[in-house]
Structures are given as C-alpha cells and as structure tokens.
Amino acid sequence: MLLKQNLTLYRIVKLTWKVDLIMISLCAVAYYFDIYVTPEIHIPTMVTTLMGTALAFFIAFNNNQAYSRWWEARIIWGGIVNDSRSWARNLLSYTANDEDKTVLVRRMVLRHIGFLYALKTSLRRLHDDEYKKFLSEEEAKKVKAFANVPSAILDLQADDIQLLSDYELIDGFRFMQISGLLQNFCDHMGKSERINNTVFPTNYIYFTRLFVWILVVFVTVTTAENIGPWSILLGWVLGFVFHTTHINGMAIMNPFEIAPECVPLNSITRNIEINLLQMLGETKIPSPEPTMHSGEYIL
C-alpha cells in the first residue's frame, strides 16, 4: 500500500519506460507512412475525437471495477483486524478462571495468528510455512494434509470452542458470541478467496490496450500534415495519458498481489500478531513490518 501522495520520478519511469519507447517508435513509423508512403490518405479529425471519447469511457469502467475489487479487499481485511482483536479479548475475558483456561485460550489465540499467516500465504500463492510456528507439531501435520490450510485451522478452532463449553469455561451465550467470530473469519476468508480467484475479463484489458495503440496512430496521422514531426510527440503524449490511466487501474486489479499498490497483507498480519501477543502478556514481540523505498510503500 502506498504511503505517500506523490510518486517518485523513478517509479513513473520504471512503470512506463518500455511502453513509452514502443509508443514513440510506433508514432514515428505512423508519421513516416503518412507523409512518404500514403500522403493521399486523409483521416478526419472527428474519427480521432470519437475514438478518444469512447476509449476514455472504456478505461473509466475498467478502473472503477479495479478500485471496487481493491476497496472490497481492504474492507474485508479491516474486518479481520477488528474481529481478531475481539476474538482474543473475548477468549481472555469471557472464560472462567480455571487452569485449563490458560492452556486452551493461549493455544486458540496463537492458532489464530497462524490462521492469518496461512490465509495471507494462500491469497498470495506463496510456499511459506510461517504459520506452523503458531501451531503444535501435531496440528501442523494435520492441517498440512488439507488443500485449504486456513479452513483446516478454523476447524481446529471450532473443536476448541466446543472444549471450552464442555469444560464449562463459557456459558451458552458466550459460546454463541465466540462461535460467531469464527463464522466471521470463515466469511472473510471466503470473500477474499472470491476476489482472488475471480479473473477480471481478459477481453476488457486486451481491447483497451489495443484501442490505445490505435488511437496513438490515428492522432499522429491526423496531425502530421499540420504540425509535422511534432505529431510524433503529440501522439506519444496522448498515448502516455491514456496508457498511464489504464495501468493505474490494472495495478490494483488483483489486490492481494505483492505490489506497492495492493493491500498490505504483511503489515496487517504483523500488526494483528503484535496486538494479540501483547494481549497474551508476551514479552517477545516482533517489530512492525518495515516500509519499503524510504517509506514510500508497505507490503
């Protein structure tokens, strides 16, 4: 997630330099053909105007859909933060004072941190077993056999909620409250997986890019006779505006990727871990997730 309002020139060049070179080359070729190969062909300016207007609406639609996906993902993980704190608070406050309480509650709170790391790894399609350090060796082996590790961890949590009830550490009302939080975690997980597994229609992205290239050519050709070689620069400037606007939306299309613009799962997960460990009274607390590139963004 970006932390600064202004992008550095380095990041802008890094994002666009390849396309800029291709676009300038395309404009130069279009100018050469229009002046020296097909000077008798004249494309009306109205064609370029209409195409640019249509493309602007098309890009706006893509960007709106991309932002909707990103914002929904951010809301989901904001809910995970709130429910995680409530989970630990309820377990620590609602359970009766008993020797079994310390073992069970501590196990359930630590296991929840493991669930968060497993969910983060799953959403980012990484091969990371960091979640195992919050589970016992037996539990880690058990959940490893499942295709969906985070869901398997929630199954273990459900078993321990039932143990709390069997040991009479919680009453029926509190059992329902804690079970409700577990249901929330399952809902958050399912919503995150839905976003992650739903591919944005490829034809929208493909044709938007294609139309940008076509527009660049048409702008260069329609202005070549009036402003000469400067039409190459004008075609590139207009293409740069449309292309950059388009990639702004594409950058957040998949909000759980490891990218500066996406949802900072590392930071969110680490902050929840810190909060829950402090609630348990732990003394060995990890540091917050560091920022990247001099505080420009966080992952």
Protein backbone atom coordinates (compact mmCIF):
# COMPACT_ATOMS: atom_id res chain seq x y z
CA MET A 1 0.00 0.00 0.00
CA LEU A 2 1.36 3.41 -0.96
CA LEU A 3 2.08 5.71 1.97
CA LYS A 4 2.98 8.87 0.08
CA GLN A 5 0.75 11.06 -2.03
CA ASN A 6 3.41 11.76 -4.65
CA LEU A 7 5.09 9.17 -6.87
CA THR A 8 8.81 9.49 -7.47
CA LEU A 9 10.09 10.09 -10.98
CA TYR A 10 11.95 6.80 -10.73
CA ARG A 11 8.72 4.85 -10.17
CA ILE A 12 6.96 6.63 -13.05
CA VAL A 13 9.81 5.86 -15.44
CA LYS A 14 10.03 2.29 -14.17
CA LEU A 15 6.34 1.72 -14.83
CA THR A 16 6.17 3.26 -18.28
CA TRP A 17 9.58 3.38 -19.99
CA LYS A 18 9.13 0.24 -22.09
CA VAL A 19 5.72 1.29 -23.36
CA ASP A 20 6.98 4.83 -23.95
CA LEU A 21 9.74 3.59 -26.23
CA ILE A 22 7.34 1.37 -28.17
CA MET A 23 4.83 4.19 -28.42
CA ILE A 24 7.36 6.72 -29.73
CA SER A 25 8.58 4.18 -32.28
CA LEU A 26 5.02 3.48 -33.37
CA CYS A 27 4.30 7.20 -33.74
CA ALA A 28 7.47 7.65 -35.81
CA VAL A 29 6.51 4.78 -38.13
CA ALA A 30 2.95 6.13 -38.48
CA TYR A 31 4.31 9.59 -39.33
CA TYR A 32 6.70 8.19 -41.95
CA PHE A 33 3.95 6.17 -43.66
CA ASP A 34 1.52 9.07 -43.66
CA ILE A 35 3.98 11.57 -45.15
CA TYR A 36 6.02 9.41 -47.52
CA VAL A 37 4.01 6.26 -48.30
CA THR A 38 0.32 7.20 -48.17
CA PRO A 39 0.16 11.02 -48.47
CA GLU A 40 -3.13 10.82 -50.37
CA ILE A 41 -4.99 9.28 -47.42
CA HIS A 42 -6.54 11.81 -45.04
CA ILE A 43 -8.26 10.67 -41.82
CA PRO A 44 -10.85 13.14 -40.49
CA THR A 45 -10.09 14.62 -37.09
CA MET A 46 -13.60 13.68 -35.96
CA VAL A 47 -12.63 9.99 -36.09
CA THR A 48 -9.83 10.53 -33.56
CA THR A 49 -12.10 12.62 -31.34
CA LEU A 50 -14.83 9.99 -31.23
CA MET A 51 -12.35 7.19 -30.64
CA GLY A 52 -10.66 9.08 -27.79
CA THR A 53 -14.00 9.77 -26.13
CA ALA A 54 -15.08 6.13 -26.38
CA LEU A 55 -11.72 4.93 -25.05
CA ALA A 56 -11.96 7.29 -22.07
CA PHE A 57 -15.27 5.71 -21.04
CA PHE A 58 -13.82 2.24 -21.54
CA ILE A 59 -10.80 2.97 -19.33
CA ALA A 60 -13.01 4.61 -16.70
CA PHE A 61 -15.12 1.44 -16.50
CA ASN A 62 -12.03 -0.75 -16.08
CA ASN A 63 -10.61 1.50 -13.37
CA ASN A 64 -13.90 1.65 -11.47
CA GLN A 65 -14.12 -2.14 -11.42
CA ALA A 66 -10.50 -2.45 -10.34
CA TYR A 67 -10.94 0.03 -7.49
CA SER A 68 -14.10 -1.77 -6.36
CA ARG A 69 -12.12 -5.01 -6.04
CA TRP A 70 -9.31 -3.26 -4.16
CA TRP A 71 -11.64 -1.41 -1.80
CA GLU A 72 -13.66 -4.53 -1.03
CA ALA A 73 -10.44 -6.38 -0.20
CA ARG A 74 -9.38 -3.55 2.11
CA ILE A 75 -12.76 -3.62 3.88
CA ILE A 76 -12.51 -7.39 4.34
CA TRP A 77 -9.11 -7.19 5.97
CA GLY A 78 -10.19 -4.24 8.07
CA GLY A 79 -12.93 -6.53 9.38
CA ILE A 80 -10.35 -9.24 10.06
CA VAL A 81 -8.37 -6.78 12.18
CA ASN A 82 -11.41 -5.88 14.29
CA ASP A 83 -12.65 -9.46 14.68
CA SER A 84 -9.16 -10.70 15.58
CA ARG A 85 -8.93 -8.29 18.48
CA SER A 86 -12.44 -9.24 19.59
CA TRP A 87 -11.50 -12.92 19.33
CA ALA A 88 -8.58 -12.58 21.75
CA ARG A 89 -10.45 -10.21 24.04
CA ASN A 90 -13.47 -12.48 24.33
CA LEU A 91 -11.38 -15.57 24.96
CA LEU A 92 -9.37 -13.83 27.66
CA SER A 93 -12.29 -12.06 29.34
CA TYR A 94 -15.26 -14.40 28.92
CA THR A 95 -13.71 -17.67 30.00
CA ALA A 96 -13.93 -18.64 33.66
CA ASN A 97 -10.80 -18.71 35.80
CA ASP A 98 -9.52 -22.23 35.53
CA GLU A 99 -6.21 -24.00 34.97
CA ASP A 100 -7.49 -25.36 31.68
CA LYS A 101 -8.29 -21.83 30.55
CA THR A 102 -4.67 -20.73 30.24
CA VAL A 103 -3.71 -23.64 28.02
CA LEU A 104 -6.79 -23.54 25.80
CA VAL A 105 -7.05 -19.77 25.39
CA ARG A 106 -3.37 -19.30 24.68
CA ARG A 107 -3.49 -22.11 22.14
CA MET A 108 -6.52 -20.61 20.40
CA VAL A 109 -5.08 -17.09 20.24
CA LEU A 110 -1.75 -18.28 18.86
CA ARG A 111 -3.51 -20.57 16.43
CA HIS A 112 -5.47 -17.60 15.15
CA ILE A 113 -2.22 -15.82 14.30
CA GLY A 114 -1.24 -18.96 12.43
CA PHE A 115 -4.56 -18.80 10.57
CA LEU A 116 -3.80 -15.25 9.43
CA TYR A 117 -0.37 -16.18 8.13
CA ALA A 118 -1.77 -19.23 6.36
CA LEU A 119 -4.53 -17.14 4.76
CA LYS A 120 -2.04 -14.49 3.64
CA THR A 121 0.18 -17.17 2.11
CA SER A 122 -2.77 -18.77 0.36
CA LEU A 123 -4.02 -15.50 -1.13
CA ARG A 124 -0.58 -14.60 -2.42
CA ARG A 125 0.02 -18.14 -3.68
CA LEU A 126 3.30 -18.46 -1.83
CA HIS A 127 5.00 -21.52 -0.38
CA ASP A 128 5.53 -20.30 3.15
CA ASP A 129 5.15 -22.35 6.33
CA GLU A 130 5.43 -19.46 8.77
CA TYR A 131 2.02 -20.35 10.19
CA LYS A 132 3.47 -23.59 11.62
CA LYS A 133 5.30 -21.81 14.42
CA PHE A 134 1.94 -20.86 15.95
CA LEU A 135 0.62 -24.44 15.89
CA SER A 136 1.74 -27.56 17.67
CA GLU A 137 3.65 -30.13 15.65
CA GLU A 138 0.64 -32.44 15.60
CA GLU A 139 -1.69 -29.66 14.43
CA ALA A 140 0.75 -28.55 11.73
CA LYS A 141 0.89 -32.08 10.30
CA LYS A 142 -2.89 -32.37 10.43
CA VAL A 143 -3.68 -29.14 8.58
CA LYS A 144 -0.88 -29.73 6.04
CA ALA A 145 -2.89 -32.64 4.65
CA PHE A 146 -5.75 -30.31 3.67
CA ALA A 147 -5.97 -28.43 0.37
CA ASN A 148 -7.19 -25.35 2.24
CA VAL A 149 -4.92 -24.89 5.26
CA PRO A 150 -6.67 -21.78 6.68
CA SER A 151 -10.02 -23.60 6.64
CA ALA A 152 -8.45 -26.59 8.40
CA ILE A 153 -7.13 -24.28 11.13
CA LEU A 154 -10.64 -22.91 11.65
CA ASP A 155 -11.82 -26.50 12.13
CA LEU A 156 -9.32 -26.85 14.99
CA GLN A 157 -10.63 -23.61 16.49
CA ALA A 158 -14.19 -24.94 16.35
CA ASP A 159 -13.10 -28.07 18.22
CA ASP A 160 -11.54 -25.98 20.98
CA ILE A 161 -14.61 -23.77 21.28
CA GLN A 162 -16.55 -26.93 21.96
CA LEU A 163 -13.96 -27.91 24.58
CA LEU A 164 -14.44 -24.56 26.32
CA SER A 165 -18.13 -25.35 26.52
CA ASP A 166 -17.57 -28.96 27.64
CA TYR A 167 -15.23 -27.80 30.43
CA GLU A 168 -17.87 -25.20 31.39
CA LEU A 169 -15.39 -22.38 30.90
CA ILE A 170 -18.01 -20.43 28.93
CA ASP A 171 -21.79 -20.36 29.07
CA GLY A 172 -24.15 -20.78 26.13
CA PHE A 173 -24.40 -17.07 25.34
CA ARG A 174 -20.65 -16.60 25.23
CA PHE A 175 -20.30 -19.80 23.23
CA MET A 176 -22.52 -18.24 20.56
CA GLN A 177 -20.54 -15.00 20.57
CA ILE A 178 -17.18 -16.71 20.13
CA SER A 179 -18.63 -19.06 17.51
CA GLY A 180 -19.99 -16.03 15.69
CA LEU A 181 -16.48 -14.59 15.43
CA LEU A 182 -15.27 -17.88 14.00
CA GLN A 183 -18.04 -17.66 11.42
CA ASN A 184 -16.88 -14.13 10.59
CA PHE A 185 -13.37 -15.39 9.93
CA CYS A 186 -14.78 -18.02 7.58
CA ASP A 187 -16.78 -15.33 5.78
CA HIS A 188 -13.76 -13.04 5.48
CA MET A 189 -11.71 -15.91 4.11
CA GLY A 190 -14.37 -16.84 1.55
CA LYS A 191 -14.77 -13.25 0.35
CA SER A 192 -11.02 -12.86 -0.02
CA GLU A 193 -10.79 -16.10 -1.99
CA ARG A 194 -13.67 -14.99 -4.22
CA ILE A 195 -11.82 -11.81 -5.18
CA ASN A 196 -8.54 -13.66 -5.59
CA ASN A 197 -9.96 -16.42 -7.77
CA THR A 198 -12.18 -14.25 -9.97
CA VAL A 199 -10.19 -13.24 -13.02
CA PHE A 200 -11.11 -9.86 -14.48
CA PRO A 201 -12.37 -10.48 -18.06
CA THR A 202 -9.31 -10.63 -20.30
CA ASN A 203 -11.08 -9.06 -23.26
CA TYR A 204 -11.55 -5.79 -21.34
CA ILE A 205 -7.82 -5.49 -20.69
CA TYR A 206 -6.76 -6.68 -24.16
CA PHE A 207 -9.05 -4.44 -26.18
CA THR A 208 -8.34 -1.41 -24.00
CA ARG A 209 -4.63 -1.75 -24.72
CA LEU A 210 -5.31 -2.36 -28.41
CA PHE A 211 -7.51 0.73 -28.68
CA VAL A 212 -4.82 2.87 -27.04
CA TRP A 213 -2.33 1.81 -29.73
CA ILE A 214 -4.86 2.51 -32.48
CA LEU A 215 -5.62 5.93 -31.03
CA VAL A 216 -1.91 6.80 -30.89
CA VAL A 217 -1.56 6.00 -34.59
CA PHE A 218 -4.66 7.98 -35.56
CA VAL A 219 -3.57 11.05 -33.56
CA THR A 220 -0.16 11.01 -35.21
CA VAL A 221 -1.60 10.60 -38.70
CA THR A 222 -4.32 13.24 -38.36
CA THR A 223 -1.90 15.88 -37.05
CA ALA A 224 1.14 15.05 -39.19
CA GLU A 225 0.23 17.44 -42.04
CA ASN A 226 -0.45 20.36 -39.71
CA ILE A 227 2.43 20.21 -37.23
CA GLY A 228 4.92 17.94 -38.99
CA PRO A 229 7.29 15.83 -36.85
CA TRP A 230 5.79 17.31 -33.70
CA SER A 231 2.86 14.94 -34.31
CA ILE A 232 5.13 12.14 -33.06
CA LEU A 233 5.46 13.89 -29.70
CA LEU A 234 1.76 14.71 -29.58
CA GLY A 235 0.83 11.09 -30.32
CA TRP A 236 3.14 9.89 -27.56
CA VAL A 237 1.79 12.42 -25.00
CA LEU A 238 -1.81 11.42 -25.63
CA GLY A 239 -0.90 7.74 -25.60
CA PHE A 240 1.04 8.23 -22.35
CA VAL A 241 -2.02 9.79 -20.68
CA PHE A 242 -4.39 7.01 -21.74
CA HIS A 243 -1.94 4.19 -21.07
CA THR A 244 -0.93 5.50 -17.63
CA THR A 245 -4.56 5.96 -16.66
CA HIS A 246 -5.22 2.38 -17.72
CA ILE A 247 -2.29 0.84 -15.81
CA ASN A 248 -3.33 2.74 -12.68
CA GLY A 249 -6.44 0.60 -12.61
CA MET A 250 -4.66 -2.60 -13.61
CA ALA A 251 -2.17 -2.13 -10.75
CA ILE A 252 -4.92 -2.74 -8.17
CA MET A 253 -6.96 -5.23 -10.18
CA ASN A 254 -5.58 -8.11 -8.06
CA PRO A 255 -5.43 -6.56 -4.57
CA PHE A 256 -3.63 -9.45 -2.86
CA GLU A 257 -0.56 -9.46 -5.09
CA ILE A 258 2.85 -8.47 -3.74
CA ALA A 259 2.90 -4.96 -5.20
CA PRO A 260 3.22 -1.43 -3.76
CA GLU A 261 -0.37 -0.51 -4.70
CA CYS A 262 -2.06 -3.61 -3.26
CA VAL A 263 -3.47 -4.43 0.17
CA PRO A 264 -0.56 -4.65 2.67
CA LEU A 265 -1.20 -8.15 4.00
CA ASN A 266 2.26 -8.41 5.57
CA SER A 267 1.76 -5.24 7.58
CA ILE A 268 -1.82 -6.05 8.61
CA THR A 269 -0.94 -9.58 9.68
CA ARG A 270 2.09 -8.41 11.65
CA ASN A 271 0.09 -5.69 13.42
CA ILE A 272 -2.57 -8.21 14.46
CA GLU A 273 0.18 -10.54 15.69
CA ILE A 274 1.65 -7.74 17.81
CA ASN A 275 -1.75 -6.83 19.28
CA LEU A 276 -2.65 -10.41 20.17
CA LEU A 277 0.74 -11.26 21.68
CA GLN A 278 0.56 -8.15 23.85
CA MET A 279 -2.92 -9.16 24.98
CA LEU A 280 -1.48 -12.53 26.00
CA GLY A 281 1.19 -10.75 28.04
CA GLU A 282 4.07 -11.94 25.89
CA THR A 283 7.39 -10.16 26.22
CA LYS A 284 8.92 -11.25 22.91
CA ILE A 285 7.05 -9.00 20.47
CA PRO A 286 8.08 -8.72 16.81
CA SER A 287 8.70 -5.35 15.21
CA PRO A 288 6.15 -3.82 12.84
CA GLU A 289 6.57 -4.56 9.16
CA PRO A 290 9.19 -2.17 7.73
CA THR A 291 8.35 0.29 4.97
CA MET A 292 9.96 0.00 1.54
CA HIS A 293 11.93 2.53 -0.51
CA SER A 294 12.34 5.18 2.20
CA GLY A 295 8.78 4.92 3.44
CA GLU A 296 7.18 5.06 0.01
CA TYR A 297 5.01 1.94 0.47
CA ILE A 298 4.44 -1.08 2.67
CA LEU A 299 3.66 -4.65 1.72
